[in-house]
């Protein structure tokens, strides 16, 4: 029946829904330094859902939610943030609607700023008796637009990565940067928007990272 909900006509969606998990990529539109596209978080979430749907026939990917809670990046052109409360409300209403067709809904998020509203939405929805789960990757590396995300984007869409513009940003531990970041946003700690160092990034590393997380995600769906 296909891996993407948006490719189906409604009768096909009705037939495909039985026993199927609808996986929704949850991303953001925000600055990722001078070398990565504003869609980075959304692209990564879509890649994770696509990988999951390719190895599990009982998963269909939904169109992504491309706006998130990104207020800390407001000092950089192009960032479009809808805030935590709006993200929570959108996810609640989206899953309520999706539940009319799909018994299970999985929210796959690749933007850390959405974590709090994601958890709040899940709590609300599960309180209503809806079978919903949320999932975020466990990557542990530089916080934003550094080697990790640059490698991921080199694997996903290398034509949109501008390595010639890549530059080191704030490299202090996130815990050390957090007080200034909370008060003044990313601009207060990094003039180019990077938290980390994109040096050494590679498509091979990005593909390995994606594959590892897709396997972990598939395991989570299997246990579900």
N, C-alpha and C. Protein backbone atom coordinates (compact mmCIF):
# COMPACT_ATOMS: atom_id res chain seq x y z
N UNK A 1 0.81 -1.21 0.00
CA UNK A 1 0.00 0.00 0.00
C UNK A 1 0.85 1.27 0.00
N UNK A 2 2.15 1.14 0.15
CA UNK A 2 3.01 2.32 0.17
C UNK A 2 3.40 2.70 1.58
N UNK A 3 4.50 3.44 1.68
CA UNK A 3 5.03 3.80 2.98
C UNK A 3 4.54 5.15 3.48
N UNK A 4 3.90 5.96 2.61
CA UNK A 4 3.53 7.33 2.98
C UNK A 4 2.03 7.53 2.88
N UNK A 5 1.45 8.05 3.93
CA UNK A 5 0.01 8.29 3.95
C UNK A 5 -0.41 9.24 2.84
N UNK A 6 0.39 10.26 2.57
CA UNK A 6 0.00 11.27 1.60
C UNK A 6 -0.07 10.73 0.17
N UNK A 7 0.47 9.54 -0.08
CA UNK A 7 0.42 8.95 -1.41
C UNK A 7 -0.85 8.12 -1.65
N UNK A 8 -1.64 7.93 -0.59
CA UNK A 8 -2.80 7.05 -0.68
C UNK A 8 -4.08 7.84 -0.91
N UNK A 9 -5.01 7.25 -1.66
CA UNK A 9 -6.38 7.74 -1.69
C UNK A 9 -7.09 7.23 -0.45
N UNK A 10 -8.23 7.85 -0.08
CA UNK A 10 -8.83 7.49 1.20
C UNK A 10 -9.27 6.03 1.28
N UNK A 11 -9.77 5.40 0.18
CA UNK A 11 -10.10 3.98 0.31
C UNK A 11 -8.88 3.12 0.59
N UNK A 12 -7.74 3.48 -0.01
CA UNK A 12 -6.50 2.76 0.26
C UNK A 12 -6.08 2.95 1.72
N UNK A 13 -6.22 4.17 2.22
CA UNK A 13 -5.88 4.43 3.62
C UNK A 13 -6.75 3.63 4.56
N UNK A 14 -8.03 3.51 4.22
CA UNK A 14 -8.94 2.73 5.06
C UNK A 14 -8.53 1.26 5.10
N UNK A 15 -8.13 0.73 3.94
CA UNK A 15 -7.71 -0.67 3.90
C UNK A 15 -6.38 -0.88 4.61
N UNK A 16 -5.51 0.11 4.53
CA UNK A 16 -4.17 -0.02 5.10
C UNK A 16 -4.15 0.17 6.61
N UNK A 17 -5.19 0.77 7.16
CA UNK A 17 -5.15 1.17 8.57
C UNK A 17 -5.23 0.01 9.54
N UNK A 18 -5.82 -1.11 9.12
CA UNK A 18 -6.02 -2.22 10.05
C UNK A 18 -4.68 -2.77 10.56
N UNK A 19 -4.46 -2.65 11.86
CA UNK A 19 -3.24 -3.16 12.46
C UNK A 19 -1.99 -2.34 12.17
N UNK A 20 -2.17 -1.16 11.60
CA UNK A 20 -1.03 -0.34 11.16
C UNK A 20 -0.76 0.80 12.14
N UNK A 21 0.50 1.10 12.34
CA UNK A 21 0.93 2.24 13.14
C UNK A 21 1.13 3.44 12.22
N UNK A 22 0.52 4.56 12.56
CA UNK A 22 0.79 5.80 11.83
C UNK A 22 1.95 6.51 12.53
N UNK A 23 3.06 6.69 11.84
CA UNK A 23 4.24 7.35 12.40
C UNK A 23 4.31 8.78 11.87
N UNK A 24 4.29 9.74 12.79
CA UNK A 24 4.29 11.16 12.42
C UNK A 24 5.65 11.78 12.71
N UNK A 25 6.37 12.26 11.69
CA UNK A 25 7.63 12.96 11.94
C UNK A 25 7.35 14.35 12.53
N UNK A 26 7.98 14.64 13.65
CA UNK A 26 7.80 15.93 14.31
C UNK A 26 9.14 16.66 14.28
N UNK A 27 9.16 17.80 13.60
CA UNK A 27 10.41 18.52 13.43
C UNK A 27 10.31 19.98 13.81
N UNK A 28 10.98 20.81 13.05
CA UNK A 28 11.01 22.24 13.31
C UNK A 28 11.54 22.95 12.07
N UNK A 29 11.35 24.25 12.04
CA UNK A 29 11.96 25.10 11.02
C UNK A 29 12.77 26.14 11.77
N UNK A 30 14.09 25.91 11.85
CA UNK A 30 14.93 26.78 12.66
C UNK A 30 16.36 26.77 12.12
N UNK A 31 17.10 27.78 12.48
CA UNK A 31 18.48 27.90 12.03
C UNK A 31 19.32 26.72 12.49
N UNK A 32 20.20 26.28 11.62
CA UNK A 32 21.18 25.25 11.95
C UNK A 32 22.56 25.69 11.44
N UNK A 33 22.97 26.87 11.90
CA UNK A 33 24.26 27.39 11.49
C UNK A 33 24.27 27.85 10.05
N UNK A 34 25.41 28.29 9.55
CA UNK A 34 25.49 28.81 8.20
C UNK A 34 25.59 27.74 7.12
N UNK A 35 25.58 26.45 7.51
CA UNK A 35 25.86 25.39 6.54
C UNK A 35 24.75 24.36 6.40
N UNK A 36 23.77 24.36 7.29
CA UNK A 36 22.69 23.38 7.22
C UNK A 36 21.36 24.07 6.98
N UNK A 37 20.41 23.39 6.32
CA UNK A 37 19.12 24.00 6.01
C UNK A 37 18.23 24.15 7.24
N UNK A 38 17.31 25.08 7.16
CA UNK A 38 16.35 25.33 8.24
C UNK A 38 15.48 24.10 8.52
N UNK A 39 15.39 23.22 7.55
CA UNK A 39 14.53 22.03 7.69
C UNK A 39 15.24 20.85 8.33
N UNK A 40 16.44 21.04 8.87
CA UNK A 40 17.25 19.92 9.33
C UNK A 40 16.51 18.99 10.29
N UNK A 41 15.89 19.53 11.33
CA UNK A 41 15.20 18.67 12.30
C UNK A 41 14.05 17.90 11.64
N UNK A 42 13.34 18.57 10.75
CA UNK A 42 12.23 17.90 10.06
C UNK A 42 12.76 16.82 9.12
N UNK A 43 13.83 17.12 8.41
CA UNK A 43 14.42 16.14 7.49
C UNK A 43 14.88 14.89 8.24
N UNK A 44 15.47 15.07 9.41
CA UNK A 44 15.94 13.93 10.19
C UNK A 44 14.77 13.10 10.68
N UNK A 45 13.71 13.75 11.16
CA UNK A 45 12.53 13.01 11.61
C UNK A 45 11.90 12.23 10.46
N UNK A 46 11.82 12.84 9.29
CA UNK A 46 11.27 12.16 8.12
C UNK A 46 12.13 10.96 7.74
N UNK A 47 13.45 11.11 7.80
CA UNK A 47 14.35 10.00 7.46
C UNK A 47 14.18 8.83 8.43
N UNK A 48 13.99 9.13 9.69
CA UNK A 48 13.78 8.08 10.68
C UNK A 48 12.49 7.33 10.42
N UNK A 49 11.42 8.07 10.15
CA UNK A 49 10.13 7.43 9.86
C UNK A 49 10.19 6.64 8.56
N UNK A 50 10.85 7.18 7.55
CA UNK A 50 10.99 6.46 6.29
C UNK A 50 11.75 5.15 6.49
N UNK A 51 12.84 5.21 7.25
CA UNK A 51 13.60 4.00 7.53
C UNK A 51 12.78 2.96 8.28
N UNK A 52 11.99 3.42 9.24
CA UNK A 52 11.12 2.51 10.00
C UNK A 52 10.10 1.86 9.08
N UNK A 53 9.46 2.65 8.22
CA UNK A 53 8.43 2.11 7.33
C UNK A 53 9.01 1.15 6.30
N UNK A 54 10.28 1.31 5.98
CA UNK A 54 10.90 0.43 5.00
C UNK A 54 11.18 -0.96 5.56
N UNK A 55 11.32 -1.07 6.87
CA UNK A 55 11.61 -2.38 7.45
C UNK A 55 10.43 -2.98 8.21
N UNK A 56 9.37 -2.20 8.37
CA UNK A 56 8.17 -2.73 9.01
C UNK A 56 6.95 -2.45 8.14
N UNK A 57 6.33 -3.50 7.68
CA UNK A 57 5.16 -3.36 6.80
C UNK A 57 3.95 -2.81 7.53
N UNK A 58 3.98 -2.83 8.87
CA UNK A 58 2.83 -2.35 9.64
C UNK A 58 2.97 -0.89 10.04
N UNK A 59 3.85 -0.14 9.37
CA UNK A 59 4.05 1.28 9.66
C UNK A 59 3.82 2.10 8.40
N UNK A 60 3.05 3.17 8.53
CA UNK A 60 2.86 4.14 7.46
C UNK A 60 3.30 5.50 7.99
N UNK A 61 4.09 6.20 7.20
CA UNK A 61 4.55 7.53 7.59
C UNK A 61 3.55 8.60 7.21
N UNK A 62 3.33 9.53 8.13
CA UNK A 62 2.44 10.67 7.87
C UNK A 62 3.27 11.85 7.36
N UNK A 63 2.62 12.85 6.78
CA UNK A 63 3.34 14.09 6.45
C UNK A 63 3.91 14.70 7.73
N UNK A 64 5.05 15.36 7.65
CA UNK A 64 5.69 15.86 8.87
C UNK A 64 5.03 17.13 9.42
N UNK A 65 5.19 17.31 10.72
CA UNK A 65 4.90 18.59 11.34
C UNK A 65 6.20 19.38 11.32
N UNK A 66 6.25 20.41 10.49
CA UNK A 66 7.51 21.10 10.22
C UNK A 66 7.73 22.33 11.08
N UNK A 67 6.85 22.60 12.03
CA UNK A 67 7.00 23.75 12.93
C UNK A 67 7.02 23.27 14.36
N UNK A 68 7.90 23.87 15.17
CA UNK A 68 8.02 23.43 16.55
C UNK A 68 8.25 24.58 17.49
N UNK A 69 8.69 24.24 18.69
CA UNK A 69 9.02 25.23 19.70
C UNK A 69 10.50 25.57 19.57
N UNK A 70 10.78 26.68 18.93
CA UNK A 70 12.16 27.05 18.57
C UNK A 70 12.51 28.46 18.99
N UNK A 71 11.87 28.95 20.04
CA UNK A 71 12.07 30.34 20.44
C UNK A 71 13.50 30.70 20.74
N UNK A 72 14.31 29.71 21.18
CA UNK A 72 15.71 30.00 21.50
C UNK A 72 16.53 30.35 20.26
N UNK A 73 15.96 30.11 19.07
CA UNK A 73 16.67 30.41 17.82
C UNK A 73 16.12 31.65 17.12
N UNK A 74 15.28 32.42 17.81
CA UNK A 74 14.62 33.55 17.17
C UNK A 74 15.57 34.65 16.72
N UNK A 75 16.78 34.66 17.20
CA UNK A 75 17.72 35.69 16.78
C UNK A 75 18.34 35.45 15.42
N UNK A 76 17.91 34.38 14.75
CA UNK A 76 18.48 34.03 13.44
C UNK A 76 17.38 34.02 12.38
N UNK A 77 17.68 34.60 11.22
CA UNK A 77 16.70 34.72 10.14
C UNK A 77 16.19 33.36 9.70
N UNK A 78 14.89 33.30 9.42
CA UNK A 78 14.29 32.10 8.88
C UNK A 78 13.66 31.18 9.89
N UNK A 79 14.02 31.32 11.16
CA UNK A 79 13.42 30.49 12.20
C UNK A 79 11.94 30.81 12.32
N UNK A 80 11.12 29.76 12.33
CA UNK A 80 9.67 29.90 12.47
C UNK A 80 9.23 29.05 13.65
N UNK A 81 8.93 29.69 14.76
CA UNK A 81 8.55 28.98 15.98
C UNK A 81 7.09 29.22 16.31
N UNK A 82 6.40 28.15 16.75
CA UNK A 82 5.00 28.31 17.18
C UNK A 82 4.86 28.16 18.69
N UNK A 83 5.93 27.88 19.41
CA UNK A 83 5.90 27.84 20.86
C UNK A 83 5.41 26.51 21.42
N UNK A 84 5.71 26.30 22.69
CA UNK A 84 5.41 25.01 23.33
C UNK A 84 3.93 24.70 23.40
N UNK A 85 3.14 25.69 23.81
CA UNK A 85 1.70 25.44 23.98
C UNK A 85 1.06 25.09 22.65
N UNK A 86 1.43 25.80 21.59
CA UNK A 86 0.87 25.50 20.27
C UNK A 86 1.28 24.12 19.79
N UNK A 87 2.54 23.73 20.02
CA UNK A 87 2.99 22.39 19.62
C UNK A 87 2.17 21.34 20.34
N UNK A 88 1.98 21.52 21.63
CA UNK A 88 1.19 20.55 22.40
C UNK A 88 -0.23 20.44 21.85
N UNK A 89 -0.87 21.57 21.60
CA UNK A 89 -2.25 21.56 21.11
C UNK A 89 -2.35 20.94 19.72
N UNK A 90 -1.39 21.27 18.85
CA UNK A 90 -1.39 20.69 17.50
C UNK A 90 -1.27 19.18 17.57
N UNK A 91 -0.35 18.68 18.40
CA UNK A 91 -0.15 17.24 18.50
C UNK A 91 -1.38 16.55 19.08
N UNK A 92 -2.00 17.16 20.08
CA UNK A 92 -3.21 16.57 20.66
C UNK A 92 -4.31 16.47 19.62
N UNK A 93 -4.56 17.55 18.90
CA UNK A 93 -5.64 17.54 17.90
C UNK A 93 -5.30 16.62 16.74
N UNK A 94 -4.03 16.59 16.35
CA UNK A 94 -3.61 15.73 15.25
C UNK A 94 -3.84 14.26 15.58
N UNK A 95 -3.44 13.85 16.78
CA UNK A 95 -3.61 12.44 17.16
C UNK A 95 -5.07 12.11 17.38
N UNK A 96 -5.84 13.03 17.92
CA UNK A 96 -7.28 12.79 18.04
C UNK A 96 -7.89 12.50 16.68
N UNK A 97 -7.49 13.28 15.69
CA UNK A 97 -8.01 13.06 14.34
C UNK A 97 -7.50 11.75 13.76
N UNK A 98 -6.20 11.51 13.90
CA UNK A 98 -5.61 10.29 13.36
C UNK A 98 -6.22 9.03 13.97
N UNK A 99 -6.63 9.13 15.22
CA UNK A 99 -7.18 7.97 15.92
C UNK A 99 -8.50 7.50 15.33
N UNK A 100 -9.13 8.33 14.53
CA UNK A 100 -10.36 7.90 13.86
C UNK A 100 -10.08 6.85 12.79
N UNK A 101 -8.84 6.80 12.32
CA UNK A 101 -8.44 5.83 11.30
C UNK A 101 -7.46 4.80 11.82
N UNK A 102 -6.50 5.24 12.61
CA UNK A 102 -5.42 4.37 13.08
C UNK A 102 -5.53 4.14 14.58
N UNK A 103 -5.45 2.90 15.00
CA UNK A 103 -5.53 2.59 16.42
C UNK A 103 -4.28 3.04 17.17
N UNK A 104 -3.14 3.04 16.51
CA UNK A 104 -1.89 3.40 17.17
C UNK A 104 -1.20 4.52 16.38
N UNK A 105 -0.69 5.50 17.13
CA UNK A 105 0.00 6.64 16.52
C UNK A 105 1.33 6.82 17.24
N UNK A 106 2.39 6.94 16.44
CA UNK A 106 3.75 7.12 16.96
C UNK A 106 4.26 8.49 16.53
N UNK A 107 4.68 9.31 17.49
CA UNK A 107 5.22 10.63 17.21
C UNK A 107 6.74 10.55 17.30
N UNK A 108 7.41 10.70 16.17
CA UNK A 108 8.87 10.58 16.10
C UNK A 108 9.46 11.99 15.99
N UNK A 109 10.11 12.43 17.05
CA UNK A 109 10.56 13.82 17.13
C UNK A 109 12.08 13.91 17.03
N UNK A 110 12.58 14.85 16.23
CA UNK A 110 14.02 15.06 16.08
C UNK A 110 14.45 16.45 16.54
N UNK A 111 13.59 17.14 17.28
CA UNK A 111 13.92 18.47 17.79
C UNK A 111 13.76 18.48 19.30
N UNK A 112 14.87 18.66 20.01
CA UNK A 112 14.83 18.61 21.46
C UNK A 112 13.93 19.65 22.09
N UNK A 113 13.76 20.79 21.43
CA UNK A 113 12.89 21.83 21.96
C UNK A 113 11.43 21.43 22.02
N UNK A 114 11.07 20.36 21.32
CA UNK A 114 9.69 19.87 21.35
C UNK A 114 9.46 18.82 22.44
N UNK A 115 10.49 18.46 23.19
CA UNK A 115 10.37 17.34 24.12
C UNK A 115 9.29 17.57 25.17
N UNK A 116 9.26 18.75 25.78
CA UNK A 116 8.29 19.01 26.84
C UNK A 116 6.85 18.99 26.31
N UNK A 117 6.53 19.73 25.23
CA UNK A 117 5.16 19.64 24.72
C UNK A 117 4.80 18.26 24.19
N UNK A 118 5.79 17.54 23.69
CA UNK A 118 5.55 16.18 23.22
C UNK A 118 5.09 15.29 24.38
N UNK A 119 5.80 15.37 25.51
CA UNK A 119 5.42 14.58 26.68
C UNK A 119 4.05 14.99 27.21
N UNK A 120 3.78 16.29 27.22
CA UNK A 120 2.50 16.77 27.71
C UNK A 120 1.35 16.27 26.82
N UNK A 121 1.56 16.31 25.51
CA UNK A 121 0.54 15.83 24.58
C UNK A 121 0.30 14.34 24.77
N UNK A 122 1.39 13.58 24.92
CA UNK A 122 1.24 12.14 25.12
C UNK A 122 0.45 11.84 26.39
N UNK A 123 0.75 12.56 27.46
CA UNK A 123 0.04 12.34 28.72
C UNK A 123 -1.45 12.62 28.56
N UNK A 124 -1.77 13.72 27.89
CA UNK A 124 -3.17 14.07 27.66
C UNK A 124 -3.89 13.01 26.84
N UNK A 125 -3.26 12.60 25.75
CA UNK A 125 -3.88 11.65 24.82
C UNK A 125 -4.04 10.27 25.44
N UNK A 126 -3.04 9.83 26.18
CA UNK A 126 -3.16 8.52 26.83
C UNK A 126 -4.19 8.57 27.93
N UNK A 127 -4.36 9.74 28.55
CA UNK A 127 -5.42 9.91 29.53
C UNK A 127 -6.80 9.78 28.92
N UNK A 128 -6.88 10.07 27.63
CA UNK A 128 -8.15 9.90 26.90
C UNK A 128 -8.33 8.48 26.38
N UNK A 129 -7.36 7.61 26.66
CA UNK A 129 -7.46 6.23 26.21
C UNK A 129 -6.93 5.98 24.82
N UNK A 130 -6.18 6.92 24.27
CA UNK A 130 -5.63 6.76 22.91
C UNK A 130 -4.28 6.06 23.00
N UNK A 131 -4.02 5.18 22.05
CA UNK A 131 -2.78 4.41 22.05
C UNK A 131 -1.72 5.17 21.26
N UNK A 132 -1.03 6.03 21.95
CA UNK A 132 -0.03 6.90 21.33
C UNK A 132 1.29 6.74 22.07
N UNK A 133 2.38 6.81 21.33
CA UNK A 133 3.71 6.77 21.90
C UNK A 133 4.54 7.90 21.30
N UNK A 134 5.51 8.38 22.06
CA UNK A 134 6.44 9.39 21.57
C UNK A 134 7.85 8.82 21.60
N UNK A 135 8.69 9.29 20.70
CA UNK A 135 10.04 8.75 20.58
C UNK A 135 11.00 9.85 20.13
N UNK A 136 12.12 9.94 20.82
CA UNK A 136 13.21 10.85 20.44
C UNK A 136 14.49 10.04 20.37
N UNK A 137 15.38 10.36 19.44
CA UNK A 137 16.65 9.64 19.35
C UNK A 137 17.52 9.91 20.57
N UNK A 138 18.45 8.98 20.81
CA UNK A 138 19.34 9.10 21.97
C UNK A 138 20.75 9.53 21.59
N UNK A 139 20.89 10.21 20.48
CA UNK A 139 22.21 10.63 20.07
C UNK A 139 22.84 11.52 21.14
N UNK A 140 24.08 11.28 21.46
CA UNK A 140 24.78 12.09 22.44
C UNK A 140 26.03 12.66 21.78
N UNK A 141 25.95 13.92 21.45
CA UNK A 141 27.08 14.60 20.81
C UNK A 141 26.86 16.09 20.96
N UNK A 142 27.55 16.90 20.14
CA UNK A 142 27.36 18.34 20.24
C UNK A 142 25.89 18.69 20.03
N UNK A 143 25.49 19.77 20.66
CA UNK A 143 24.07 20.03 20.83
C UNK A 143 23.32 20.47 19.58
N UNK A 144 23.97 21.22 18.69
CA UNK A 144 23.19 21.82 17.60
C UNK A 144 24.08 22.20 16.42
N UNK A 145 23.78 21.59 15.27
CA UNK A 145 24.44 21.93 14.00
C UNK A 145 25.93 21.62 14.01
N UNK A 146 26.34 20.70 14.88
CA UNK A 146 27.73 20.29 14.93
C UNK A 146 27.98 19.06 14.08
N UNK A 147 28.92 18.25 14.49
CA UNK A 147 29.32 17.10 13.70
C UNK A 147 28.18 16.11 13.50
N UNK A 148 27.39 15.88 14.56
CA UNK A 148 26.32 14.87 14.47
C UNK A 148 25.28 15.25 13.41
N UNK A 149 24.69 16.42 13.56
CA UNK A 149 23.64 16.81 12.62
C UNK A 149 24.19 17.04 11.22
N UNK A 150 25.42 17.49 11.13
CA UNK A 150 26.03 17.67 9.81
C UNK A 150 26.21 16.32 9.13
N UNK A 151 26.67 15.33 9.88
CA UNK A 151 26.81 13.98 9.32
C UNK A 151 25.46 13.42 8.90
N UNK A 152 24.45 13.62 9.72
CA UNK A 152 23.11 13.12 9.38
C UNK A 152 22.61 13.75 8.08
N UNK A 153 22.80 15.05 7.93
CA UNK A 153 22.32 15.71 6.73
C UNK A 153 23.16 15.35 5.50
N UNK A 154 24.44 15.06 5.70
CA UNK A 154 25.25 14.58 4.57
C UNK A 154 24.74 13.23 4.08
N UNK A 155 24.17 12.43 4.98
CA UNK A 155 23.59 11.15 4.58
C UNK A 155 22.22 11.31 3.96
N UNK A 156 21.45 12.30 4.43
CA UNK A 156 20.06 12.47 3.99
C UNK A 156 19.96 13.32 2.72
N UNK A 157 20.63 14.45 2.72
CA UNK A 157 20.51 15.40 1.59
C UNK A 157 21.82 16.16 1.42
N UNK A 158 22.86 15.49 0.92
CA UNK A 158 24.17 16.14 0.82
C UNK A 158 24.18 17.38 -0.05
N UNK A 159 23.27 17.45 -1.00
CA UNK A 159 23.25 18.60 -1.90
C UNK A 159 22.81 19.88 -1.18
N UNK A 160 22.26 19.73 0.02
CA UNK A 160 21.80 20.91 0.77
C UNK A 160 22.71 21.24 1.95
N UNK A 161 23.84 20.58 2.02
CA UNK A 161 24.83 20.88 3.06
C UNK A 161 25.97 21.69 2.44
N UNK A 162 26.29 22.83 3.02
CA UNK A 162 27.32 23.72 2.48
C UNK A 162 28.54 23.66 3.39
N UNK A 163 29.37 22.65 3.18
CA UNK A 163 30.52 22.45 4.05
C UNK A 163 31.51 23.61 3.97
N UNK A 164 31.51 24.31 2.84
CA UNK A 164 32.43 25.44 2.72
C UNK A 164 32.07 26.57 3.68
N UNK A 165 30.84 26.56 4.17
CA UNK A 165 30.40 27.59 5.12
C UNK A 165 30.41 27.10 6.56
N UNK A 166 30.72 25.83 6.77
CA UNK A 166 30.70 25.26 8.12
C UNK A 166 31.79 25.88 8.97
N UNK A 167 31.44 26.15 10.23
CA UNK A 167 32.41 26.77 11.14
C UNK A 167 32.13 26.32 12.56
N UNK A 168 33.16 26.33 13.36
CA UNK A 168 33.02 25.98 14.78
C UNK A 168 32.15 27.02 15.47
N UNK A 169 31.30 26.54 16.37
CA UNK A 169 30.48 27.44 17.17
C UNK A 169 30.91 27.41 18.62
N UNK A 170 29.96 27.49 19.53
CA UNK A 170 30.26 27.41 20.96
C UNK A 170 30.53 25.95 21.32
N UNK A 171 31.69 25.66 21.86
CA UNK A 171 32.07 24.28 22.12
C UNK A 171 32.09 23.93 23.61
N UNK A 172 31.73 24.86 24.48
CA UNK A 172 31.66 24.56 25.91
C UNK A 172 30.53 23.56 26.16
N UNK A 173 30.58 22.79 27.23
CA UNK A 173 29.49 21.86 27.55
C UNK A 173 28.16 22.60 27.65
N UNK A 174 27.10 21.92 27.22
CA UNK A 174 25.78 22.55 27.20
C UNK A 174 25.37 23.01 28.60
N UNK A 175 25.71 22.24 29.63
CA UNK A 175 25.36 22.62 30.99
C UNK A 175 25.98 23.97 31.36
N UNK A 176 27.17 24.22 30.84
CA UNK A 176 27.86 25.48 31.11
C UNK A 176 27.22 26.63 30.35
N UNK A 177 26.73 26.35 29.14
CA UNK A 177 26.12 27.39 28.30
C UNK A 177 24.68 27.68 28.69
N UNK A 178 24.02 26.75 29.34
CA UNK A 178 22.58 26.82 29.53
C UNK A 178 22.08 28.10 30.21
N UNK A 179 22.71 28.60 31.28
CA UNK A 179 22.18 29.83 31.90
C UNK A 179 22.09 30.99 30.93
N UNK A 180 23.14 31.22 30.14
CA UNK A 180 23.12 32.30 29.16
C UNK A 180 22.17 31.99 28.02
N UNK A 181 22.08 30.73 27.63
CA UNK A 181 21.19 30.33 26.54
C UNK A 181 19.73 30.56 26.93
N UNK A 182 19.39 30.21 28.17
CA UNK A 182 18.01 30.41 28.65
C UNK A 182 17.66 31.88 28.68
N UNK A 183 18.61 32.71 29.11
CA UNK A 183 18.33 34.15 29.21
C UNK A 183 18.29 34.85 27.86
N UNK A 184 19.20 34.47 26.95
CA UNK A 184 19.32 35.23 25.71
C UNK A 184 19.21 34.44 24.43
N UNK A 185 18.90 33.15 24.54
CA UNK A 185 18.79 32.32 23.35
C UNK A 185 20.16 31.92 22.81
N UNK A 186 20.15 31.21 21.70
CA UNK A 186 21.39 30.70 21.12
C UNK A 186 22.31 31.85 20.71
N UNK A 187 21.74 32.93 20.24
CA UNK A 187 22.55 34.07 19.80
C UNK A 187 23.45 34.59 20.92
N UNK A 188 23.05 34.43 22.15
CA UNK A 188 23.84 34.92 23.28
C UNK A 188 25.10 34.12 23.51
N UNK A 189 25.15 32.90 23.00
CA UNK A 189 26.32 32.05 23.23
C UNK A 189 27.05 31.68 21.95
N UNK A 190 26.41 31.89 20.78
CA UNK A 190 27.03 31.50 19.52
C UNK A 190 26.58 32.45 18.42
N UNK A 191 27.52 33.21 17.88
CA UNK A 191 27.17 34.20 16.85
C UNK A 191 26.76 33.55 15.55
N UNK A 192 27.22 32.31 15.27
CA UNK A 192 26.85 31.65 14.02
C UNK A 192 25.76 30.60 14.18
N UNK A 193 25.26 30.44 15.41
CA UNK A 193 24.16 29.51 15.65
C UNK A 193 24.56 28.08 15.88
N UNK A 194 25.86 27.78 15.85
CA UNK A 194 26.33 26.40 16.02
C UNK A 194 26.71 26.17 17.48
N UNK A 195 26.26 25.06 18.03
CA UNK A 195 26.69 24.62 19.36
C UNK A 195 27.48 23.33 19.15
N UNK A 196 28.77 23.47 18.96
CA UNK A 196 29.61 22.31 18.65
C UNK A 196 30.54 22.62 17.50
N UNK A 197 31.04 21.57 16.89
CA UNK A 197 32.01 21.70 15.79
C UNK A 197 31.65 20.72 14.68
N UNK A 198 31.26 21.22 13.50
CA UNK A 198 30.90 20.32 12.40
C UNK A 198 32.10 19.63 11.75
N UNK A 199 33.30 19.96 12.15
CA UNK A 199 34.49 19.35 11.56
C UNK A 199 34.50 17.84 11.72
N UNK A 200 34.91 17.15 10.67
CA UNK A 200 34.98 15.69 10.71
C UNK A 200 33.70 14.99 10.33
N UNK A 201 32.63 15.72 10.06
CA UNK A 201 31.36 15.11 9.68
C UNK A 201 31.48 14.36 8.36
N UNK A 202 30.72 13.27 8.24
CA UNK A 202 30.75 12.48 7.00
C UNK A 202 29.42 11.79 6.77
N UNK A 203 29.13 11.52 5.52
CA UNK A 203 27.90 10.82 5.17
C UNK A 203 27.89 9.41 5.76
N UNK A 204 29.04 8.75 5.77
CA UNK A 204 29.11 7.41 6.32
C UNK A 204 28.75 7.38 7.79
N UNK A 205 29.25 8.36 8.52
CA UNK A 205 28.91 8.45 9.94
C UNK A 205 27.42 8.72 10.12
N UNK A 206 26.89 9.60 9.29
CA UNK A 206 25.46 9.92 9.37
C UNK A 206 24.59 8.72 9.07
N UNK A 207 24.96 7.94 8.06
CA UNK A 207 24.17 6.76 7.71
C UNK A 207 24.21 5.74 8.85
N UNK A 208 25.38 5.56 9.47
CA UNK A 208 25.49 4.63 10.59
C UNK A 208 24.62 5.08 11.76
N UNK A 209 24.61 6.37 12.03
CA UNK A 209 23.78 6.90 13.10
C UNK A 209 22.30 6.68 12.82
N UNK A 210 21.89 6.96 11.58
CA UNK A 210 20.48 6.75 11.21
C UNK A 210 20.10 5.28 11.32
N UNK A 211 20.92 4.41 10.78
CA UNK A 211 20.61 2.98 10.80
C UNK A 211 20.46 2.48 12.24
N UNK A 212 21.34 2.92 13.11
CA UNK A 212 21.29 2.50 14.51
C UNK A 212 19.99 2.93 15.18
N UNK A 213 19.58 4.16 14.92
CA UNK A 213 18.36 4.66 15.55
C UNK A 213 17.11 4.04 14.94
N UNK A 214 17.13 3.74 13.65
CA UNK A 214 15.99 3.08 13.02
C UNK A 214 15.79 1.69 13.62
N UNK A 215 16.88 0.98 13.87
CA UNK A 215 16.78 -0.35 14.50
C UNK A 215 16.19 -0.21 15.90
N UNK A 216 16.66 0.78 16.64
CA UNK A 216 16.13 0.98 17.99
C UNK A 216 14.65 1.35 17.95
N UNK A 217 14.28 2.15 16.97
CA UNK A 217 12.89 2.55 16.81
C UNK A 217 12.03 1.36 16.44
N UNK A 218 12.52 0.51 15.54
CA UNK A 218 11.79 -0.69 15.14
C UNK A 218 11.61 -1.64 16.32
N UNK A 219 12.63 -1.73 17.16
CA UNK A 219 12.52 -2.57 18.36
C UNK A 219 11.42 -2.06 19.29
N UNK A 220 11.33 -0.73 19.40
CA UNK A 220 10.31 -0.12 20.26
C UNK A 220 8.91 -0.45 19.73
N UNK A 221 8.75 -0.39 18.41
CA UNK A 221 7.45 -0.71 17.82
C UNK A 221 7.15 -2.21 18.01
N UNK A 222 8.15 -3.04 17.89
CA UNK A 222 7.96 -4.49 18.09
C UNK A 222 7.46 -4.75 19.52
N UNK A 223 8.06 -4.08 20.51
CA UNK A 223 7.64 -4.28 21.91
C UNK A 223 6.24 -3.73 22.14
N UNK A 224 5.87 -2.70 21.42
CA UNK A 224 4.56 -2.10 21.52
C UNK A 224 3.49 -3.05 21.02
